Amino acid sequence: MGSSIAIAGQELFDRAEAGEALAQKHVDQTLDSLGRGIQMIAVALNPDRILLGGAISEREGLLEDVTQRAQAYLERTQAKDIELDIVICKFRNQANLIGAVSAHYSQIKQ
């Protein structure tokens, strides 16, 4: 049996960019799962827009890669009427902090 180690997402992506084959495989699987998940949401709910946020949204080329994968899944499932509008959140990985501060100030004003 193979051994497994836990590493943070940032390290995984850094290792993949450095050329580590196993890390590249896992990053590819992660991005493919994200594209597939977006395809399923698009087919089930047909939202006007899908927003990507969090730390992963800081990655260069993420939007293009995930959009391409989601579109490929739409084509494979013949969901031709679905139009994808995927964008990166304006505040990227800081959105949760901004929301927390906003909620805090809202409660203080009451």
PDB file of N, CA and C in Angstrom:
ATOM      1  N   MET A   1       0.828  -1.185   0.000  1.00  0.00           N
ATOM      2  CA  MET A   1       0.000   0.000   0.000  1.00  0.00           C
ATOM      3  C   MET A   1       0.868   1.242   0.000  1.00  0.00           C
ATOM      4  N   GLY A   2       0.401   2.236  -0.725  1.00  0.00           N
ATOM      5  CA  GLY A   2       1.124   3.492  -0.769  1.00  0.00           C
ATOM      6  C   GLY A   2       0.824   4.335   0.453  1.00  0.00           C
ATOM      7  N   SER A   3       1.757   5.188   0.773  1.00  0.00           N
ATOM      8  CA  SER A   3       1.528   6.083   1.901  1.00  0.00           C
ATOM      9  C   SER A   3       0.967   7.394   1.377  1.00  0.00           C
ATOM     10  N   SER A   4       0.276   8.097   2.251  1.00  0.00           N
ATOM     11  CA  SER A   4      -0.275   9.383   1.852  1.00  0.00           C
ATOM     12  C   SER A   4       0.175  10.441   2.847  1.00  0.00           C
ATOM     13  N   ILE A   5       0.293  11.646   2.343  1.00  0.00           N
ATOM     14  CA  ILE A   5       0.637  12.777   3.194  1.00  0.00           C
ATOM     15  C   ILE A   5      -0.382  13.881   2.936  1.00  0.00           C
ATOM     16  N   ALA A   6      -0.589  14.692   3.911  1.00  0.00           N
ATOM     17  CA  ALA A   6      -1.503  15.823   3.761  1.00  0.00           C
ATOM     18  C   ALA A   6      -0.674  17.083   3.561  1.00  0.00           C
ATOM     19  N   ILE A   7      -0.996  17.821   2.507  1.00  0.00           N
ATOM     20  CA  ILE A   7      -0.344  19.110   2.278  1.00  0.00           C
ATOM     21  C   ILE A   7      -1.421  20.137   1.946  1.00  0.00           C
ATOM     22  N   ALA A   8      -1.100  21.374   2.170  1.00  0.00           N
ATOM     23  CA  ALA A   8      -2.040  22.462   1.876  1.00  0.00           C
ATOM     24  C   ALA A   8      -2.151  22.644   0.364  1.00  0.00           C
ATOM     25  N   GLY A   9      -3.274  23.198  -0.058  1.00  0.00           N
ATOM     26  CA  GLY A   9      -3.506  23.419  -1.474  1.00  0.00           C
ATOM     27  C   GLY A   9      -2.427  24.258  -2.133  1.00  0.00           C
ATOM     28  N   GLN A  10      -1.980  25.298  -1.446  1.00  0.00           N
ATOM     29  CA  GLN A  10      -0.929  26.164  -1.987  1.00  0.00           C
ATOM     30  C   GLN A  10       0.323  25.351  -2.309  1.00  0.00           C
ATOM     31  N   GLU A  11       0.705  24.485  -1.385  1.00  0.00           N
ATOM     32  CA  GLU A  11       1.895  23.657  -1.607  1.00  0.00           C
ATOM     33  C   GLU A  11       1.679  22.692  -2.770  1.00  0.00           C
ATOM     34  N   LEU A  12       0.492  22.126  -2.862  1.00  0.00           N
ATOM     35  CA  LEU A  12       0.185  21.212  -3.962  1.00  0.00           C
ATOM     36  C   LEU A  12       0.355  21.921  -5.306  1.00  0.00           C
ATOM     37  N   PHE A  13      -0.230  23.107  -5.438  1.00  0.00           N
ATOM     38  CA  PHE A  13      -0.112  23.851  -6.683  1.00  0.00           C
ATOM     39  C   PHE A  13       1.336  24.269  -6.945  1.00  0.00           C
ATOM     40  N   ASP A  14       2.054  24.662  -5.891  1.00  0.00           N
ATOM     41  CA  ASP A  14       3.470  25.037  -6.054  1.00  0.00           C
ATOM     42  C   ASP A  14       4.295  23.850  -6.538  1.00  0.00           C
ATOM     43  N   ARG A  15       4.053  22.683  -5.968  1.00  0.00           N
ATOM     44  CA  ARG A  15       4.782  21.484  -6.390  1.00  0.00           C
ATOM     45  C   ARG A  15       4.450  21.124  -7.837  1.00  0.00           C
ATOM     46  N   ALA A  16       3.189  21.278  -8.205  1.00  0.00           N
ATOM     47  CA  ALA A  16       2.785  20.992  -9.585  1.00  0.00           C
ATOM     48  C   ALA A  16       3.493  21.938 -10.550  1.00  0.00           C
ATOM     49  N   GLU A  17       3.536  23.211 -10.195  1.00  0.00           N
ATOM     50  CA  GLU A  17       4.219  24.187 -11.047  1.00  0.00           C
ATOM     51  C   GLU A  17       5.711  23.925 -11.143  1.00  0.00           C
ATOM     52  N   ALA A  18       6.276  23.317 -10.099  1.00  0.00           N
ATOM     53  CA  ALA A  18       7.698  22.980 -10.100  1.00  0.00           C
ATOM     54  C   ALA A  18       7.979  21.707 -10.905  1.00  0.00           C
ATOM     55  N   GLY A  19       6.924  21.057 -11.391  1.00  0.00           N
ATOM     56  CA  GLY A  19       7.116  19.898 -12.248  1.00  0.00           C
ATOM     57  C   GLY A  19       6.944  18.548 -11.582  1.00  0.00           C
ATOM     58  N   GLU A  20       6.498  18.517 -10.331  1.00  0.00           N
ATOM     59  CA  GLU A  20       6.313  17.246  -9.632  1.00  0.00           C
ATOM     60  C   GLU A  20       5.101  16.522 -10.231  1.00  0.00           C
ATOM     61  N   ALA A  21       5.335  15.352 -10.803  1.00  0.00           N
ATOM     62  CA  ALA A  21       4.306  14.631 -11.563  1.00  0.00           C
ATOM     63  C   ALA A  21       3.083  14.273 -10.718  1.00  0.00           C
ATOM     64  N   LEU A  22       3.291  13.789  -9.511  1.00  0.00           N
ATOM     65  CA  LEU A  22       2.160  13.405  -8.674  1.00  0.00           C
ATOM     66  C   LEU A  22       1.313  14.623  -8.312  1.00  0.00           C
ATOM     67  N   ALA A  23       1.958  15.727  -8.016  1.00  0.00           N
ATOM     68  CA  ALA A  23       1.227  16.960  -7.703  1.00  0.00           C
ATOM     69  C   ALA A  23       0.461  17.438  -8.932  1.00  0.00           C
ATOM     70  N   GLN A  24       1.072  17.344 -10.107  1.00  0.00           N
ATOM     71  CA  GLN A  24       0.388  17.733 -11.338  1.00  0.00           C
ATOM     72  C   GLN A  24      -0.862  16.884 -11.560  1.00  0.00           C
ATOM     73  N   LYS A  25      -0.754  15.603 -11.272  1.00  0.00           N
ATOM     74  CA  LYS A  25      -1.896  14.700 -11.425  1.00  0.00           C
ATOM     75  C   LYS A  25      -3.043  15.131 -10.505  1.00  0.00           C
ATOM     76  N   HIS A  26      -2.718  15.448  -9.250  1.00  0.00           N
ATOM     77  CA  HIS A  26      -3.751  15.834  -8.287  1.00  0.00           C
ATOM     78  C   HIS A  26      -4.356  17.203  -8.607  1.00  0.00           C
ATOM     79  N   VAL A  27      -3.546  18.128  -9.079  1.00  0.00           N
ATOM     80  CA  VAL A  27      -4.067  19.436  -9.487  1.00  0.00           C
ATOM     81  C   VAL A  27      -5.005  19.249 -10.672  1.00  0.00           C
ATOM     82  N   ASP A  28      -4.600  18.429 -11.630  1.00  0.00           N
ATOM     83  CA  ASP A  28      -5.445  18.171 -12.791  1.00  0.00           C
ATOM     84  C   ASP A  28      -6.786  17.567 -12.364  1.00  0.00           C
ATOM     85  N   GLN A  29      -6.738  16.619 -11.439  1.00  0.00           N
ATOM     86  CA  GLN A  29      -7.974  16.002 -10.941  1.00  0.00           C
ATOM     87  C   GLN A  29      -8.848  17.025 -10.208  1.00  0.00           C
ATOM     88  N   THR A  30      -8.224  17.898  -9.442  1.00  0.00           N
ATOM     89  CA  THR A  30      -8.954  18.938  -8.710  1.00  0.00           C
ATOM     90  C   THR A  30      -9.659  19.886  -9.676  1.00  0.00           C
ATOM     91  N   LEU A  31      -8.925  20.352 -10.676  1.00  0.00           N
ATOM     92  CA  LEU A  31      -9.510  21.278 -11.640  1.00  0.00           C
ATOM     93  C   LEU A  31     -10.588  20.592 -12.476  1.00  0.00           C
ATOM     94  N   ASP A  32     -10.376  19.318 -12.792  1.00  0.00           N
ATOM     95  CA  ASP A  32     -11.380  18.580 -13.536  1.00  0.00           C
ATOM     96  C   ASP A  32     -12.651  18.405 -12.705  1.00  0.00           C
ATOM     97  N   SER A  33     -12.489  18.113 -11.421  1.00  0.00           N
ATOM     98  CA  SER A  33     -13.655  17.984 -10.536  1.00  0.00           C
ATOM     99  C   SER A  33     -14.394  19.311 -10.415  1.00  0.00           C
ATOM    100  N   LEU A  34     -13.665  20.400 -10.365  1.00  0.00           N
ATOM    101  CA  LEU A  34     -14.295  21.720 -10.302  1.00  0.00           C
ATOM    102  C   LEU A  34     -15.072  21.998 -11.590  1.00  0.00           C
ATOM    103  N   GLY A  35     -14.478  21.695 -12.723  1.00  0.00           N
ATOM    104  CA  GLY A  35     -15.164  21.877 -13.997  1.00  0.00           C
ATOM    105  C   GLY A  35     -16.405  21.013 -14.093  1.00  0.00           C
ATOM    106  N   ARG A  36     -16.307  19.776 -13.638  1.00  0.00           N
ATOM    107  CA  ARG A  36     -17.455  18.862 -13.657  1.00  0.00           C
ATOM    108  C   ARG A  36     -18.553  19.357 -12.709  1.00  0.00           C
ATOM    109  N   GLY A  37     -18.170  19.826 -11.538  1.00  0.00           N
ATOM    110  CA  GLY A  37     -19.144  20.356 -10.588  1.00  0.00           C
ATOM    111  C   GLY A  37     -19.869  21.571 -11.141  1.00  0.00           C
ATOM    112  N   ILE A  38     -19.125  22.445 -11.809  1.00  0.00           N
ATOM    113  CA  ILE A  38     -19.740  23.620 -12.416  1.00  0.00           C
ATOM    114  C   ILE A  38     -20.713  23.193 -13.515  1.00  0.00           C
ATOM    115  N   GLN A  39     -20.333  22.189 -14.302  1.00  0.00           N
ATOM    116  CA  GLN A  39     -21.216  21.686 -15.350  1.00  0.00           C
ATOM    117  C   GLN A  39     -22.510  21.165 -14.752  1.00  0.00           C
ATOM    118  N   MET A  40     -22.410  20.429 -13.653  1.00  0.00           N
ATOM    119  CA  MET A  40     -23.613  19.873 -13.026  1.00  0.00           C
ATOM    120  C   MET A  40     -24.509  20.976 -12.471  1.00  0.00           C
ATOM    121  N   ILE A  41     -23.914  21.982 -11.850  1.00  0.00           N
ATOM    122  CA  ILE A  41     -24.691  23.115 -11.335  1.00  0.00           C
ATOM    123  C   ILE A  41     -25.358  23.859 -12.490  1.00  0.00           C
ATOM    124  N   ALA A  42     -24.613  24.051 -13.572  1.00  0.00           N
ATOM    125  CA  ALA A  42     -25.159  24.761 -14.723  1.00  0.00           C
ATOM    126  C   ALA A  42     -26.354  24.027 -15.314  1.00  0.00           C
ATOM    127  N   VAL A  43     -26.254  22.705 -15.420  1.00  0.00           N
ATOM    128  CA  VAL A  43     -27.359  21.923 -15.983  1.00  0.00           C
ATOM    129  C   VAL A  43     -28.550  21.893 -15.031  1.00  0.00           C
ATOM    130  N   ALA A  44     -28.282  21.739 -13.747  1.00  0.00           N
ATOM    131  CA  ALA A  44     -29.370  21.617 -12.769  1.00  0.00           C
ATOM    132  C   ALA A  44     -30.073  22.951 -12.505  1.00  0.00           C
ATOM    133  N   LEU A  45     -29.314  24.037 -12.439  1.00  0.00           N
ATOM    134  CA  LEU A  45     -29.884  25.314 -12.008  1.00  0.00           C
ATOM    135  C   LEU A  45     -29.872  26.409 -13.069  1.00  0.00           C
ATOM    136  N   ASN A  46     -29.027  26.258 -14.083  1.00  0.00           N
ATOM    137  CA  ASN A  46     -28.871  27.261 -15.136  1.00  0.00           C
ATOM    138  C   ASN A  46     -28.736  28.678 -14.568  1.00  0.00           C
ATOM    139  N   PRO A  47     -27.750  28.909 -13.706  1.00  0.00           N
ATOM    140  CA  PRO A  47     -27.600  30.241 -13.108  1.00  0.00           C
ATOM    141  C   PRO A  47     -27.114  31.261 -14.138  1.00  0.00           C
ATOM    142  N   ASP A  48     -27.383  32.519 -13.874  1.00  0.00           N
ATOM    143  CA  ASP A  48     -26.909  33.583 -14.762  1.00  0.00           C
ATOM    144  C   ASP A  48     -25.388  33.693 -14.733  1.00  0.00           C
ATOM    145  N   ARG A  49     -24.815  33.443 -13.558  1.00  0.00           N
ATOM    146  CA  ARG A  49     -23.366  33.589 -13.398  1.00  0.00           C
ATOM    147  C   ARG A  49     -22.891  32.652 -12.299  1.00  0.00           C
ATOM    148  N   ILE A  50     -21.689  32.146 -12.467  1.00  0.00           N
ATOM    149  CA  ILE A  50     -21.047  31.319 -11.447  1.00  0.00           C
ATOM    150  C   ILE A  50     -19.783  32.052 -11.009  1.00  0.00           C
ATOM    151  N   LEU A  51     -19.643  32.252  -9.701  1.00  0.00           N
ATOM    152  CA  LEU A  51     -18.510  32.984  -9.146  1.00  0.00           C
ATOM    153  C   LEU A  51     -17.521  32.030  -8.501  1.00  0.00           C
ATOM    154  N   LEU A  52     -16.250  32.235  -8.770  1.00  0.00           N
ATOM    155  CA  LEU A  52     -15.185  31.466  -8.131  1.00  0.00           C
ATOM    156  C   LEU A  52     -14.446  32.382  -7.179  1.00  0.00           C
ATOM    157  N   GLY A  53     -14.314  31.944  -5.939  1.00  0.00           N
ATOM    158  CA  GLY A  53     -13.599  32.731  -4.942  1.00  0.00           C
ATOM    159  C   GLY A  53     -12.673  31.845  -4.149  1.00  0.00           C
ATOM    160  N   GLY A  54     -12.195  32.366  -3.048  1.00  0.00           N
ATOM    161  CA  GLY A  54     -11.282  31.614  -2.199  1.00  0.00           C
ATOM    162  C   GLY A  54      -9.856  31.672  -2.715  1.00  0.00           C
ATOM    163  N   ALA A  55      -8.992  30.985  -2.014  1.00  0.00           N
ATOM    164  CA  ALA A  55      -7.564  31.030  -2.342  1.00  0.00           C
ATOM    165  C   ALA A  55      -7.267  30.549  -3.756  1.00  0.00           C
ATOM    166  N   ILE A  56      -8.020  29.552  -4.204  1.00  0.00           N
ATOM    167  CA  ILE A  56      -7.759  29.015  -5.543  1.00  0.00           C
ATOM    168  C   ILE A  56      -7.992  30.070  -6.620  1.00  0.00           C
ATOM    169  N   SER A  57      -8.850  31.045  -6.345  1.00  0.00           N
ATOM    170  CA  SER A  57      -9.149  32.076  -7.335  1.00  0.00           C
ATOM    171  C   SER A  57      -7.954  32.989  -7.613  1.00  0.00           C
ATOM    172  N   GLU A  58      -6.934  32.904  -6.796  1.00  0.00           N
ATOM    173  CA  GLU A  58      -5.721  33.700  -6.994  1.00  0.00           C
ATOM    174  C   GLU A  58      -4.812  33.098  -8.071  1.00  0.00           C
ATOM    175  N   ARG A  59      -5.069  31.857  -8.468  1.00  0.00           N
ATOM    176  CA  ARG A  59      -4.206  31.154  -9.411  1.00  0.00           C
ATOM    177  C   ARG A  59      -4.322  31.729 -10.814  1.00  0.00           C
ATOM    178  N   GLU A  60      -3.201  32.007 -11.409  1.00  0.00           N
ATOM    179  CA  GLU A  60      -3.142  32.478 -12.790  1.00  0.00           C
ATOM    180  C   GLU A  60      -3.674  31.402 -13.727  1.00  0.00           C
ATOM    181  N   GLY A  61      -4.557  31.773 -14.608  1.00  0.00           N
ATOM    182  CA  GLY A  61      -5.083  30.843 -15.599  1.00  0.00           C
ATOM    183  C   GLY A  61      -6.212  29.953 -15.119  1.00  0.00           C
ATOM    184  N   LEU A  62      -6.604  30.073 -13.846  1.00  0.00           N
ATOM    185  CA  LEU A  62      -7.655  29.215 -13.301  1.00  0.00           C
ATOM    186  C   LEU A  62      -8.972  29.384 -14.055  1.00  0.00           C
ATOM    187  N   LEU A  63      -9.386  30.609 -14.268  1.00  0.00           N
ATOM    188  CA  LEU A  63     -10.675  30.871 -14.901  1.00  0.00           C
ATOM    189  C   LEU A  63     -10.758  30.221 -16.283  1.00  0.00           C
ATOM    190  N   GLU A  64      -9.738  30.400 -17.084  1.00  0.00           N
ATOM    191  CA  GLU A  64      -9.739  29.841 -18.429  1.00  0.00           C
ATOM    192  C   GLU A  64      -9.755  28.316 -18.381  1.00  0.00           C
ATOM    193  N   ASP A  65      -8.950  27.746 -17.520  1.00  0.00           N
ATOM    194  CA  ASP A  65      -8.848  26.283 -17.421  1.00  0.00           C
ATOM    195  C   ASP A  65     -10.167  25.664 -16.970  1.00  0.00           C
ATOM    196  N   VAL A  66     -10.748  26.198 -15.915  1.00  0.00           N
ATOM    197  CA  VAL A  66     -11.987  25.645 -15.373  1.00  0.00           C
ATOM    198  C   VAL A  66     -13.144  25.859 -16.352  1.00  0.00           C
ATOM    199  N   THR A  67     -13.192  27.021 -16.987  1.00  0.00           N
ATOM    200  CA  THR A  67     -14.237  27.281 -17.971  1.00  0.00           C
ATOM    201  C   THR A  67     -14.143  26.284 -19.118  1.00  0.00           C
ATOM    202  N   GLN A  68     -12.941  26.041 -19.589  1.00  0.00           N
ATOM    203  CA  GLN A  68     -12.732  25.087 -20.682  1.00  0.00           C
ATOM    204  C   GLN A  68     -13.177  23.682 -20.277  1.00  0.00           C
ATOM    205  N   ARG A  69     -12.854  23.268 -19.076  1.00  0.00           N
ATOM    206  CA  ARG A  69     -13.239  21.934 -18.605  1.00  0.00           C
ATOM    207  C   ARG A  69     -14.754  21.832 -18.446  1.00  0.00           C
ATOM    208  N   ALA A  70     -15.377  22.849 -17.860  1.00  0.00           N
ATOM    209  CA  ALA A  70     -16.830  22.829 -17.686  1.00  0.00           C
ATOM    210  C   ALA A  70     -17.529  22.812 -19.040  1.00  0.00           C
ATOM    211  N   GLN A  71     -17.027  23.591 -19.980  1.00  0.00           N
ATOM    212  CA  GLN A  71     -17.608  23.630 -21.322  1.00  0.00           C
ATOM    213  C   GLN A  71     -17.468  22.273 -22.010  1.00  0.00           C
ATOM    214  N   ALA A  72     -16.338  21.618 -21.834  1.00  0.00           N
ATOM    215  CA  ALA A  72     -16.136  20.290 -22.427  1.00  0.00           C
ATOM    216  C   ALA A  72     -17.138  19.286 -21.860  1.00  0.00           C
ATOM    217  N   TYR A  73     -17.406  19.361 -20.558  1.00  0.00           N
ATOM    218  CA  TYR A  73     -18.414  18.478 -19.963  1.00  0.00           C
ATOM    219  C   TYR A  73     -19.812  18.798 -20.491  1.00  0.00           C
ATOM    220  N   LEU A  74     -20.113  20.066 -20.687  1.00  0.00           N
ATOM    221  CA  LEU A  74     -21.414  20.431 -21.266  1.00  0.00           C
ATOM    222  C   LEU A  74     -21.564  19.834 -22.664  1.00  0.00           C
ATOM    223  N   GLU A  75     -20.508  19.915 -23.446  1.00  0.00           N
ATOM    224  CA  GLU A  75     -20.551  19.369 -24.802  1.00  0.00           C
ATOM    225  C   GLU A  75     -20.707  17.854 -24.788  1.00  0.00           C
ATOM    226  N   ARG A  76     -19.996  17.179 -23.883  1.00  0.00           N
ATOM    227  CA  ARG A  76     -20.099  15.719 -23.782  1.00  0.00           C
ATOM    228  C   ARG A  76     -21.499  15.263 -23.406  1.00  0.00           C
ATOM    229  N   THR A  77     -22.179  16.070 -22.616  1.00  0.00           N
ATOM    230  CA  THR A  77     -23.538  15.706 -22.181  1.00  0.00           C
ATOM    231  C   THR A  77     -24.602  16.343 -23.080  1.00  0.00           C
ATOM    232  N   GLN A  78     -24.169  16.947 -24.149  1.00  0.00           N
ATOM    233  CA  GLN A  78     -25.043  17.573 -25.141  1.00  0.00           C
ATOM    234  C   GLN A  78     -25.981  18.622 -24.539  1.00  0.00           C
ATOM    235  N   ALA A  79     -25.471  19.344 -23.555  1.00  0.00           N
ATOM    236  CA  ALA A  79     -26.230  20.438 -22.937  1.00  0.00           C
ATOM    237  C   ALA A  79     -25.910  21.716 -23.717  1.00  0.00           C
ATOM    238  N   LYS A  80     -26.413  21.770 -24.938  1.00  0.00           N
ATOM    239  CA  LYS A  80     -26.052  22.840 -25.871  1.00  0.00           C
ATOM    240  C   LYS A  80     -26.707  24.179 -25.562  1.00  0.00           C
ATOM    241  N   ASP A  81     -27.790  24.166 -24.812  1.00  0.00           N
ATOM    242  CA  ASP A  81     -28.509  25.409 -24.525  1.00  0.00           C
ATOM    243  C   ASP A  81     -27.954  26.154 -23.313  1.00  0.00           C
ATOM    244  N   ILE A  82     -27.026  25.548 -22.607  1.00  0.00           N
ATOM    245  CA  ILE A  82     -26.464  26.169 -21.399  1.00  0.00           C
ATOM    246  C   ILE A  82     -25.307  27.084 -21.791  1.00  0.00           C
ATOM    247  N   GLU A  83     -25.392  28.326 -21.350  1.00  0.00           N
ATOM    248  CA  GLU A  83     -24.300  29.274 -21.575  1.00  0.00           C
ATOM    249  C   GLU A  83     -23.608  29.536 -20.243  1.00  0.00           C
ATOM    250  N   LEU A  84     -22.316  29.310 -20.221  1.00  0.00           N
ATOM    251  CA  LEU A  84     -21.549  29.515 -19.001  1.00  0.00           C
ATOM    252  C   LEU A  84     -21.055  30.949 -18.900  1.00  0.00           C
ATOM    253  N   ASP A  85     -21.232  31.530 -17.736  1.00  0.00           N
ATOM    254  CA  ASP A  85     -20.652  32.828 -17.411  1.00  0.00           C
ATOM    255  C   ASP A  85     -19.973  32.644 -16.054  1.00  0.00           C
ATOM    256  N   ILE A  86     -18.704  32.280 -16.115  1.00  0.00           N
ATOM    257  CA  ILE A  86     -17.926  32.020 -14.899  1.00  0.00           C
ATOM    258  C   ILE A  86     -16.966  33.192 -14.721  1.00  0.00           C
ATOM    259  N   VAL A  87     -16.958  33.766 -13.527  1.00  0.00           N
ATOM    260  CA  VAL A  87     -16.062  34.884 -13.244  1.00  0.00           C
ATOM    261  C   VAL A  87     -15.392  34.674 -11.883  1.00  0.00           C
ATOM    262  N   ILE A  88     -14.286  35.341 -11.713  1.00  0.00           N
ATOM    263  CA  ILE A  88     -13.571  35.343 -10.435  1.00  0.00           C
ATOM    264  C   ILE A  88     -14.177  36.443  -9.565  1.00  0.00           C
ATOM    265  N   CYS A  89     -14.427  36.131  -8.300  1.00  0.00           N
ATOM    266  CA  CYS A  89     -14.964  37.128  -7.370  1.00  0.00           C
ATOM    267  C   CYS A  89     -14.046  38.349  -7.312  1.00  0.00           C
ATOM    268  N   LYS A  90     -14.637  39.496  -7.226  1.00  0.00           N
ATOM    269  CA  LYS A  90     -13.883  40.753  -7.202  1.00  0.00           C
ATOM    270  C   LYS A  90     -12.829  40.764  -6.093  1.00  0.00           C
ATOM    271  N   PHE A  91     -13.202  40.291  -4.912  1.00  0.00           N
ATOM    272  CA  PHE A  91     -12.280  40.348  -3.782  1.00  0.00           C
ATOM    273  C   PHE A  91     -11.528  39.044  -3.550  1.00  0.00           C
ATOM    274  N   ARG A  92     -11.686  38.100  -4.464  1.00  0.00           N
ATOM    275  CA  ARG A  92     -10.972  36.818  -4.470  1.00  0.00           C
ATOM    276  C   ARG A  92     -10.970  36.163  -3.093  1.00  0.00           C
ATOM    277  N   ASN A  93      -9.798  35.966  -2.523  1.00  0.00           N
ATOM    278  CA  ASN A  93      -9.684  35.250  -1.260  1.00  0.00           C
ATOM    279  C   ASN A  93     -10.037  36.131  -0.052  1.00  0.00           C
ATOM    280  N   GLN A  94     -10.229  37.404  -0.278  1.00  0.00           N
ATOM    281  CA  GLN A  94     -10.528  38.314   0.836  1.00  0.00           C
ATOM    282  C   GLN A  94     -12.030  38.481   1.074  1.00  0.00           C
ATOM    283  N   ALA A  95     -12.848  37.929   0.211  1.00  0.00           N
ATOM    284  CA  ALA A  95     -14.297  38.131   0.313  1.00  0.00           C
ATOM    285  C   ALA A  95     -14.843  37.702   1.670  1.00  0.00           C
ATOM    286  N   ASN A  96     -14.368  36.584   2.189  1.00  0.00           N
ATOM    287  CA  ASN A  96     -14.880  36.119   3.484  1.00  0.00           C
ATOM    288  C   ASN A  96     -14.506  37.086   4.610  1.00  0.00           C
ATOM    289  N   LEU A  97     -13.325  37.649   4.543  1.00  0.00           N
ATOM    290  CA  LEU A  97     -12.905  38.606   5.570  1.00  0.00           C
ATOM    291  C   LEU A  97     -13.715  39.902   5.475  1.00  0.00           C
ATOM    292  N   ILE A  98     -13.945  40.359   4.270  1.00  0.00           N
ATOM    293  CA  ILE A  98     -14.736  41.571   4.071  1.00  0.00           C
ATOM    294  C   ILE A  98     -16.162  41.346   4.580  1.00  0.00           C
ATOM    295  N   GLY A  99     -16.713  40.179   4.301  1.00  0.00           N
ATOM    296  CA  GLY A  99     -18.050  39.842   4.782  1.00  0.00           C
ATOM    297  C   GLY A  99     -18.114  39.791   6.302  1.00  0.00           C
ATOM    298  N   ALA A 100     -17.081  39.234   6.913  1.00  0.00           N
ATOM    299  CA  ALA A 100     -17.049  39.138   8.375  1.00  0.00           C
ATOM    300  C   ALA A 100     -16.970  40.528   9.009  1.00  0.00           C
ATOM    301  N   VAL A 101     -16.132  41.382   8.453  1.00  0.00           N
ATOM    302  CA  VAL A 101     -16.003  42.749   8.977  1.00  0.00           C
ATOM    303  C   VAL A 101     -17.315  43.502   8.786  1.00  0.00           C
ATOM    304  N   SER A 102     -17.937  43.333   7.633  1.00  0.00           N
ATOM    305  CA  SER A 102     -19.213  43.994   7.371  1.00  0.00           C
ATOM    306  C   SER A 102     -20.280  43.535   8.363  1.00  0.00           C
ATOM    307  N   ALA A 103     -20.339  42.240   8.625  1.00  0.00           N
ATOM    308  CA  ALA A 103     -21.317  41.720   9.578  1.00  0.00           C
ATOM    309  C   ALA A 103     -21.033  42.250  10.981  1.00  0.00           C
ATOM    310  N   HIS A 104     -19.769  42.339  11.340  1.00  0.00           N
ATOM    311  CA  HIS A 104     -19.386  42.864  12.648  1.00  0.00           C
ATOM    312  C   HIS A 104     -19.839  44.317  12.806  1.00  0.00           C
ATOM    313  N   TYR A 105     -19.551  45.152  11.810  1.00  0.00           N
ATOM    314  CA  TYR A 105     -19.958  46.548  11.878  1.00  0.00           C
ATOM    315  C   TYR A 105     -21.471  46.719  11.872  1.00  0.00           C
ATOM    316  N   SER A 106     -22.161  45.846  11.147  1.00  0.00           N
ATOM    317  CA  SER A 106     -23.634  45.902  11.148  1.00  0.00           C
ATOM    318  C   SER A 106     -24.194  45.648  12.534  1.00  0.00           C
ATOM    319  N   GLN A 107     -23.588  44.721  13.260  1.00  0.00           N
ATOM    320  CA  GLN A 107     -24.070  44.419  14.609  1.00  0.00           C
ATOM    321  C   GLN A 107     -23.715  45.516  15.604  1.00  0.00           C
ATOM    322  N   ILE A 108     -22.572  46.149  15.426  1.00  0.00           N
ATOM    323  CA  ILE A 108     -22.164  47.231  16.314  1.00  0.00           C
ATOM    324  C   ILE A 108     -23.121  48.414  16.176  1.00  0.00           C
ATOM    325  N   LYS A 109     -23.559  48.708  14.976  1.00  0.00           N
ATOM    326  CA  LYS A 109     -24.445  49.852  14.730  1.00  0.00           C
ATOM    327  C   LYS A 109     -25.816  49.651  15.316  1.00  0.00           C
ATOM    328  N   GLN A 110     -26.212  48.422  15.596  1.00  0.00           N
ATOM    329  CA  GLN A 110     -27.545  48.162  16.133  1.00  0.00           C
ATOM    330  C   GLN A 110     -27.544  48.488  17.566  1.00  0.00           C
TER     331      GLN A 110
END
